[in-house]
């Protein structure tokens, strides 16, 4: 079984911790407050710029916002379980993916960027076109991904491929459109007029969106790649939108011709919600990584939404946000999860290097060890509490 794994977080320029000493504030005043991550990809922002995200989003912001509409798709077939990707098409909860991702599916589960899991049904699947539509009722009302409906991409356009290659959820690769109007056959699917891209597509990446780096719109469906992984191929969305819209309008479940698969209940219990211990650990570590990424892009609302209800009742959103305004950058490493003996929660630990601006406008760098408890609350993973210990 493919598993969602810990995302390697390298993000930039967080605007955290309100009172002067950043993580020192966390360390001395809020034992349970979480910390955050960054990378060296961005520039340092002035205090005047430490407000809301700019009207013209940068690449990092585009990636983060896009990930909210990208899902990992796990499919159960008579041969076992497979992992692919997809993205939200409309407010009905319909998810675009590849036909080969859901072929023979007796059960479809989607996992969102904030580690929530929902069941889905295939309501449309191409016979020769490698495109499919999965309806996920629990995603109804969510904001779909912006897509290009008419304009075709051109050679040289800069793009971002998102998906879950090898089960690594919400992995991002960048590249360009290196060719157009490519044609080939991978039985039973015929690919016509597809884009050739320099961003690699591997197992699990199929079905995810190809994003225009400058507009943030989905321009194609990542669908196939070479054995070497150096070249990928993506189906232009304008070529298949009529078919997708017909499926969305009809909304009829496509019954699998595969035999029913008897559910495997090995290692399943109410605490892990059917996950193996390793899956639970990986999902918890992923959630902490996504929390860091949300803070990194100043998406404080999403970060706050990942906290458990008790933590939120003890600290309102405004206090949470104001607690992060003077940290300039953070690098997090070594995130690992360990399942508790009672299998009720996972302890996620890591190391954080924080660059902070003090009250006298000096910049200091500190190192912290951090740990978080992650568990299910109302059937969804939440961060129950966390601690930071200053190392130097």
Protein backbone atom coordinates (compact mmCIF):
# COMPACT_ATOMS: atom_id res chain seq x y z
CA UNK A 1 0.00 0.00 0.00
CA UNK A 2 1.27 3.46 -0.85
CA UNK A 3 1.40 5.75 2.14
CA UNK A 4 1.20 9.48 2.58
CA UNK A 5 4.56 10.50 3.92
CA UNK A 6 6.08 13.40 5.75
CA UNK A 7 6.40 16.40 3.49
CA UNK A 8 9.82 17.98 3.38
CA UNK A 9 9.08 21.55 4.37
CA UNK A 10 11.26 24.26 2.96
CA UNK A 11 9.31 27.48 3.10
CA UNK A 12 10.13 31.18 3.48
CA UNK A 13 9.69 34.23 5.58
CA UNK A 14 7.22 33.80 8.33
CA UNK A 15 5.72 36.70 10.12
CA UNK A 16 5.28 35.43 13.62
CA UNK A 17 5.63 36.15 17.34
CA UNK A 18 4.37 39.54 18.37
CA UNK A 19 6.44 40.56 21.35
CA UNK A 20 10.02 41.07 20.43
CA UNK A 21 11.85 37.86 21.05
CA UNK A 22 9.90 35.47 18.85
CA UNK A 23 10.49 31.93 19.99
CA UNK A 24 11.61 33.16 23.37
CA UNK A 25 8.05 34.45 23.74
CA UNK A 26 6.76 31.01 22.83
CA UNK A 27 9.27 29.33 25.10
CA UNK A 28 8.55 31.39 28.20
CA UNK A 29 4.88 32.37 27.86
CA UNK A 30 3.03 29.73 25.85
CA UNK A 31 4.20 26.23 26.60
CA UNK A 32 1.61 24.91 24.18
CA UNK A 33 2.15 27.34 21.29
CA UNK A 34 3.41 25.91 18.03
CA UNK A 35 6.31 27.01 15.86
CA UNK A 36 6.89 27.35 12.16
CA UNK A 37 9.18 26.76 9.19
CA UNK A 38 10.80 28.62 6.30
CA UNK A 39 13.51 28.34 3.68
CA UNK A 40 16.03 30.56 1.96
CA UNK A 41 13.95 30.85 -1.21
CA UNK A 42 12.38 34.21 -0.40
CA UNK A 43 13.43 37.67 0.60
CA UNK A 44 13.18 39.22 4.05
CA UNK A 45 10.11 41.42 4.37
CA UNK A 46 10.09 44.82 6.00
CA UNK A 47 7.77 45.36 8.94
CA UNK A 48 5.53 47.42 6.68
CA UNK A 49 5.16 44.41 4.37
CA UNK A 50 4.22 42.08 7.19
CA UNK A 51 0.50 42.36 6.57
CA UNK A 52 -1.66 40.32 4.28
CA UNK A 53 -0.50 38.39 1.19
CA UNK A 54 0.16 40.69 -1.76
CA UNK A 55 -2.52 41.13 -4.41
CA UNK A 56 -0.06 39.58 -6.90
CA UNK A 57 0.81 36.27 -5.24
CA UNK A 58 4.36 34.96 -5.49
CA UNK A 59 5.20 31.39 -6.46
CA UNK A 60 5.14 30.16 -2.88
CA UNK A 61 1.67 31.60 -2.28
CA UNK A 62 0.37 30.12 -5.54
CA UNK A 63 1.62 26.68 -4.51
CA UNK A 64 0.08 26.91 -1.06
CA UNK A 65 -3.29 28.10 -2.31
CA UNK A 66 -3.33 25.44 -5.04
CA UNK A 67 -2.57 22.66 -2.58
CA UNK A 68 -5.84 23.38 -0.78
CA UNK A 69 -7.68 22.12 -3.88
CA UNK A 70 -5.41 19.13 -4.58
CA UNK A 71 -6.20 15.73 -3.08
CA UNK A 72 -4.51 12.40 -2.78
CA UNK A 73 -6.68 9.58 -4.11
CA UNK A 74 -6.43 6.08 -2.70
CA UNK A 75 -8.21 3.39 -4.68
CA UNK A 76 -9.05 -0.16 -3.61
CA UNK A 77 -9.21 -2.73 -6.42
CA UNK A 78 -9.18 -6.50 -6.64
CA UNK A 79 -5.38 -6.28 -6.99
CA UNK A 80 -4.82 -4.16 -3.88
CA UNK A 81 -4.54 -0.43 -3.31
CA UNK A 82 -3.16 2.32 -5.54
CA UNK A 83 -2.48 6.00 -4.97
CA UNK A 84 -3.01 8.86 -7.38
CA UNK A 85 -3.89 12.54 -7.32
CA UNK A 86 -6.76 14.83 -8.27
CA UNK A 87 -8.05 18.37 -7.92
CA UNK A 88 -11.37 20.00 -7.05
CA UNK A 89 -13.30 21.06 -10.15
CA UNK A 90 -16.52 22.58 -8.83
CA UNK A 91 -18.54 23.34 -5.70
CA UNK A 92 -20.39 20.03 -5.97
CA UNK A 93 -17.29 18.32 -4.63
CA UNK A 94 -16.26 16.86 -8.00
CA UNK A 95 -12.58 15.95 -8.36
CA UNK A 96 -10.78 15.63 -11.70
CA UNK A 97 -8.28 12.80 -12.03
CA UNK A 98 -7.03 10.24 -14.57
CA UNK A 99 -9.16 7.29 -15.67
CA UNK A 100 -6.26 4.92 -15.03
CA UNK A 101 -6.08 6.12 -11.40
CA UNK A 102 -9.64 4.94 -10.63
CA UNK A 103 -9.86 2.04 -13.07
CA UNK A 104 -11.41 -1.00 -11.41
CA UNK A 105 -12.05 0.89 -8.18
CA UNK A 106 -14.40 -0.70 -5.68
CA UNK A 107 -13.65 1.99 -3.11
CA UNK A 108 -12.28 5.53 -3.46
CA UNK A 109 -10.88 7.61 -0.59
CA UNK A 110 -9.53 11.15 -0.93
CA UNK A 111 -7.21 12.91 1.48
CA UNK A 112 -7.11 16.71 1.53
CA UNK A 113 -4.11 18.95 2.20
CA UNK A 114 -5.09 19.26 5.87
CA UNK A 115 -5.12 15.44 6.25
CA UNK A 116 -8.91 15.01 6.22
CA UNK A 117 -10.21 11.81 4.59
CA UNK A 118 -13.49 11.37 2.71
CA UNK A 119 -15.16 8.76 0.54
CA UNK A 120 -15.82 9.38 -3.13
CA UNK A 121 -17.66 7.82 -6.08
CA UNK A 122 -16.56 7.70 -9.70
CA UNK A 123 -19.29 9.49 -11.72
CA UNK A 124 -17.46 9.64 -15.05
CA UNK A 125 -14.56 7.78 -16.66
CA UNK A 126 -13.20 7.92 -20.18
CA UNK A 127 -12.83 4.74 -22.21
CA UNK A 128 -10.02 6.02 -24.43
CA UNK A 129 -9.52 9.47 -22.86
CA UNK A 130 -7.46 9.17 -19.68
CA UNK A 131 -9.73 11.41 -17.60
CA UNK A 132 -12.24 10.71 -14.83
CA UNK A 133 -14.44 12.56 -12.35
CA UNK A 134 -14.91 11.56 -8.70
CA UNK A 135 -17.73 13.03 -6.61
CA UNK A 136 -16.88 13.66 -2.94
CA UNK A 137 -20.01 14.92 -1.15
CA UNK A 138 -18.03 16.09 1.87
CA UNK A 139 -16.12 18.52 -0.36
CA UNK A 140 -19.30 20.20 -1.63
CA UNK A 141 -19.17 23.94 -1.07
CA UNK A 142 -15.39 24.07 -1.00
CA UNK A 143 -13.66 26.52 -3.33
CA UNK A 144 -12.53 24.71 -6.50
CA UNK A 145 -9.26 25.24 -8.30
CA UNK A 146 -9.24 27.97 -10.95
CA UNK A 147 -8.83 26.39 -14.38
CA UNK A 148 -8.09 27.52 -17.93
CA UNK A 149 -11.17 26.82 -20.02
CA UNK A 150 -10.07 27.98 -23.47
CA UNK A 151 -6.46 29.14 -23.70
CA UNK A 152 -3.90 26.49 -24.62
CA UNK A 153 -0.42 26.71 -23.15
CA UNK A 154 2.59 27.38 -25.35
CA UNK A 155 6.10 26.00 -25.48
CA UNK A 156 8.24 27.73 -22.87
CA UNK A 157 5.41 28.47 -20.42
CA UNK A 158 6.54 27.95 -16.83
CA UNK A 159 4.46 25.39 -14.95
CA UNK A 160 4.10 23.62 -11.60
CA UNK A 161 3.10 19.96 -11.27
CA UNK A 162 1.37 19.00 -8.02
CA UNK A 163 0.47 15.54 -6.81
CA UNK A 164 1.43 12.60 -4.61
CA UNK A 165 4.32 10.82 -6.36
CA UNK A 166 5.06 7.49 -4.68
CA UNK A 167 2.48 8.40 -2.05
CA UNK A 168 4.26 11.59 -0.93
CA UNK A 169 1.30 13.91 -0.53
CA UNK A 170 1.31 17.40 -2.04
CA UNK A 171 4.73 17.20 -3.64
CA UNK A 172 5.64 20.05 -6.01
CA UNK A 173 7.88 20.03 -9.08
CA UNK A 174 8.47 22.93 -11.45
CA UNK A 175 9.37 23.04 -15.12
CA UNK A 176 8.26 24.32 -18.51
CA UNK A 177 6.07 23.25 -21.39
CA UNK A 178 8.75 21.71 -23.59
CA UNK A 179 6.43 20.60 -26.39
CA UNK A 180 2.80 20.63 -27.53
CA UNK A 181 0.50 18.46 -29.67
CA UNK A 182 2.21 15.21 -28.66
CA UNK A 183 0.42 11.96 -29.54
CA UNK A 184 0.88 8.39 -28.29
CA UNK A 185 -1.08 5.38 -27.04
CA UNK A 186 -0.91 3.57 -23.71
CA UNK A 187 -3.67 0.97 -24.05
CA UNK A 188 -6.52 1.46 -23.63
CA UNK A 189 -5.93 5.23 -23.61
CA UNK A 190 -5.15 7.45 -26.56
CA UNK A 191 -3.31 10.71 -25.81
CA UNK A 192 -3.78 13.40 -28.47
CA UNK A 193 -2.67 17.03 -28.42
CA UNK A 194 -1.01 16.65 -25.00
CA UNK A 195 1.70 18.82 -23.48
CA UNK A 196 5.22 17.55 -22.98
CA UNK A 197 6.63 19.00 -19.75
CA UNK A 198 10.04 19.03 -18.07
CA UNK A 199 8.47 18.48 -14.61
CA UNK A 200 8.60 14.72 -13.87
CA UNK A 201 5.42 12.64 -13.44
CA UNK A 202 5.69 9.33 -11.57
CA UNK A 203 3.41 6.82 -9.84
CA UNK A 204 0.97 8.67 -7.63
CA UNK A 205 1.47 12.00 -9.41
CA UNK A 206 -1.05 11.10 -12.11
CA UNK A 207 -4.29 13.03 -11.99
CA UNK A 208 -2.85 16.10 -10.30
CA UNK A 209 -3.03 19.57 -11.86
CA UNK A 210 -0.45 21.30 -14.02
CA UNK A 211 -0.44 24.94 -12.92
CA UNK A 212 0.58 28.09 -14.79
CA UNK A 213 3.27 29.62 -12.54
CA UNK A 214 2.13 33.16 -13.27
CA UNK A 215 -1.66 32.90 -13.11
CA UNK A 216 -2.13 30.04 -10.64
CA UNK A 217 -4.68 28.43 -12.98
CA UNK A 218 -4.75 24.72 -13.79
CA UNK A 219 -3.97 24.25 -17.48
CA UNK A 220 -3.75 20.45 -17.73
CA UNK A 221 -4.02 17.07 -15.99
CA UNK A 222 -0.71 15.33 -15.25
CA UNK A 223 -1.10 11.90 -16.82
CA UNK A 224 2.02 10.02 -17.90
CA UNK A 225 5.80 10.04 -17.76
CA UNK A 226 8.82 8.34 -19.23
CA UNK A 227 10.55 5.48 -17.42
CA UNK A 228 13.43 7.79 -16.51
CA UNK A 229 11.00 10.28 -14.94
CA UNK A 230 12.68 13.18 -16.72
CA UNK A 231 9.75 13.97 -19.02
CA UNK A 232 6.05 14.15 -18.28
CA UNK A 233 2.89 14.47 -20.35
CA UNK A 234 -0.26 16.38 -19.40
CA UNK A 235 -3.72 16.52 -20.98
CA UNK A 236 -4.83 20.11 -21.74
CA UNK A 237 -8.01 20.89 -19.81
CA UNK A 238 -9.77 22.67 -22.71
CA UNK A 239 -9.60 19.39 -24.64
CA UNK A 240 -11.67 17.44 -22.09
CA UNK A 241 -13.83 20.02 -20.30
CA UNK A 242 -16.99 19.23 -22.30
CA UNK A 243 -16.78 15.61 -21.22
CA UNK A 244 -16.07 16.56 -17.60
CA UNK A 245 -18.98 19.01 -17.48
CA UNK A 246 -21.39 16.39 -18.84
CA UNK A 247 -20.36 13.97 -16.09
CA UNK A 248 -20.73 16.67 -13.46
CA UNK A 249 -24.23 17.50 -14.71
CA UNK A 250 -25.42 13.90 -14.81
CA UNK A 251 -23.76 12.88 -11.53
CA UNK A 252 -24.37 9.12 -11.98
CA UNK A 253 -22.08 6.68 -10.22
CA UNK A 254 -19.97 4.51 -12.54
CA UNK A 255 -20.14 0.93 -11.28
CA UNK A 256 -16.88 -1.00 -11.30
CA UNK A 257 -16.75 -4.21 -13.30
CA UNK A 258 -14.22 -5.57 -10.84
CA UNK A 259 -15.37 -8.01 -8.12
CA UNK A 260 -16.14 -6.60 -4.70
CA UNK A 261 -13.11 -6.44 -2.44
CA UNK A 262 -13.47 -7.74 1.09
CA UNK A 263 -12.31 -5.09 3.53
CA UNK A 264 -9.08 -5.85 5.38
CA UNK A 265 -9.48 -4.89 9.02
CA UNK A 266 -5.97 -5.80 10.09
CA UNK A 267 -4.63 -3.30 12.65
CA UNK A 268 -7.76 -1.18 12.36
CA UNK A 269 -9.32 0.36 15.44
CA UNK A 270 -11.33 3.42 16.41
CA UNK A 271 -8.24 5.44 17.35
CA UNK A 272 -6.34 5.12 14.09
CA UNK A 273 -9.51 5.18 11.91
CA UNK A 274 -8.40 2.18 9.87
CA UNK A 275 -4.81 3.36 9.38
CA UNK A 276 -1.85 1.18 10.22
CA UNK A 277 0.44 2.55 12.91
CA UNK A 278 2.94 3.68 10.29
CA UNK A 279 0.25 5.43 8.26
CA UNK A 280 -0.97 7.22 11.36
CA UNK A 281 2.57 8.39 12.15
CA UNK A 282 3.13 9.60 8.60
CA UNK A 283 -0.21 11.42 8.47
CA UNK A 284 0.50 13.15 11.79
CA UNK A 285 3.95 14.25 10.61
CA UNK A 286 2.43 15.48 7.37
CA UNK A 287 -0.12 17.55 9.30
CA UNK A 288 2.65 19.30 11.26
CA UNK A 289 4.45 19.97 7.99
CA UNK A 290 1.31 21.51 6.51
CA UNK A 291 0.89 23.64 9.62
CA UNK A 292 4.39 25.04 9.07
CA UNK A 293 3.69 25.66 5.40
CA UNK A 294 0.48 27.54 6.19
CA UNK A 295 2.31 29.81 8.59
CA UNK A 296 5.10 30.25 6.07
CA UNK A 297 2.68 31.75 3.56
CA UNK A 298 0.98 33.84 6.25
CA UNK A 299 -2.16 31.73 5.95
CA UNK A 300 -2.77 31.99 9.67
CA UNK A 301 -6.43 31.01 9.39
CA UNK A 302 -5.59 27.62 7.89
CA UNK A 303 -2.85 27.06 10.46
CA UNK A 304 -5.24 27.93 13.27
CA UNK A 305 -7.88 25.56 11.88
CA UNK A 306 -5.49 22.63 12.36
CA UNK A 307 -5.49 23.10 16.14
CA UNK A 308 -7.76 21.03 18.35
CA UNK A 309 -10.89 22.55 19.89
CA UNK A 310 -9.44 22.74 23.40
CA UNK A 311 -6.35 24.59 22.20
CA UNK A 312 -8.52 27.00 20.22
CA UNK A 313 -10.75 27.60 23.25
CA UNK A 314 -7.67 28.59 25.25
CA UNK A 315 -6.27 30.89 22.55
CA UNK A 316 -8.38 32.90 20.10
CA UNK A 317 -7.42 33.43 16.47
CA UNK A 318 -6.30 37.05 16.89
CA UNK A 319 -3.94 36.13 19.73
CA UNK A 320 -2.66 33.23 17.66
CA UNK A 321 -1.95 35.47 14.67
CA UNK A 322 -0.43 38.28 16.70
CA UNK A 323 1.89 35.79 18.30
CA UNK A 324 3.75 35.33 15.00
CA UNK A 325 4.58 38.80 13.73
CA UNK A 326 8.29 39.21 14.50
CA UNK A 327 9.80 35.92 13.39
CA UNK A 328 11.52 36.47 10.04
CA UNK A 329 12.36 32.92 9.06
CA UNK A 330 12.40 29.37 10.37
CA UNK A 331 13.92 26.14 9.14
CA UNK A 332 12.47 22.86 10.42
CA UNK A 333 14.22 19.50 10.14
CA UNK A 334 13.90 15.90 11.34
CA UNK A 335 10.11 15.73 11.71
CA UNK A 336 9.27 12.20 12.90
CA UNK A 337 6.16 10.62 14.40
CA UNK A 338 5.83 7.96 17.11
CA UNK A 339 2.55 6.19 17.83
CA UNK A 340 1.49 6.17 21.49
CA UNK A 341 1.15 2.86 23.31
CA UNK A 342 -2.63 3.18 23.43
CA UNK A 343 -2.68 4.02 19.69
CA UNK A 344 -4.76 7.11 20.44
CA UNK A 345 -2.25 9.74 19.31
CA UNK A 346 1.10 10.38 17.65
CA UNK A 347 3.96 12.40 19.14
CA UNK A 348 5.68 14.37 16.36
CA UNK A 349 9.14 15.77 17.14
CA UNK A 350 11.51 17.98 15.20
CA UNK A 351 14.20 20.66 15.32
CA UNK A 352 13.63 24.32 14.48
CA UNK A 353 16.11 27.07 13.67
CA UNK A 354 14.41 30.44 14.06
CA UNK A 355 15.56 33.85 12.85
CA UNK A 356 13.85 36.57 14.85
CA UNK A 357 13.75 40.34 15.11
CA UNK A 358 14.05 41.74 18.62
CA UNK A 359 12.47 44.93 19.99
CA UNK A 360 15.68 46.86 19.26
CA UNK A 361 15.48 45.61 15.61
CA UNK A 362 18.39 43.21 15.90
CA UNK A 363 18.23 39.81 14.24
CA UNK A 364 18.98 36.73 16.35
CA UNK A 365 19.01 33.03 15.49
CA UNK A 366 17.91 30.37 17.98
CA UNK A 367 17.62 26.59 17.90
CA UNK A 368 14.67 24.73 19.45
CA UNK A 369 13.49 21.17 19.84
CA UNK A 370 9.73 20.89 19.35
CA UNK A 371 7.08 18.26 19.89
CA UNK A 372 3.37 18.02 19.14
CA UNK A 373 0.60 15.60 19.99
CA UNK A 374 -1.65 14.79 17.04
CA UNK A 375 -4.86 12.78 17.35
CA UNK A 376 -8.32 12.37 15.86
CA UNK A 377 -11.04 14.78 16.94
CA UNK A 378 -14.49 14.33 15.36
CA UNK A 379 -12.92 11.90 12.89
CA UNK A 380 -10.32 14.43 11.67
CA UNK A 381 -6.64 14.78 12.58
CA UNK A 382 -5.93 17.78 14.81
CA UNK A 383 -2.92 19.20 16.66
CA UNK A 384 -3.87 18.88 20.31
CA UNK A 385 -0.91 20.71 21.84
CA UNK A 386 2.79 21.38 21.39
CA UNK A 387 5.93 22.48 23.24
CA UNK A 388 9.22 24.12 22.34
CA UNK A 389 12.50 23.82 24.24
CA UNK A 390 15.32 26.22 23.53
CA UNK A 391 18.60 24.46 22.76
CA UNK A 392 20.79 27.51 22.13
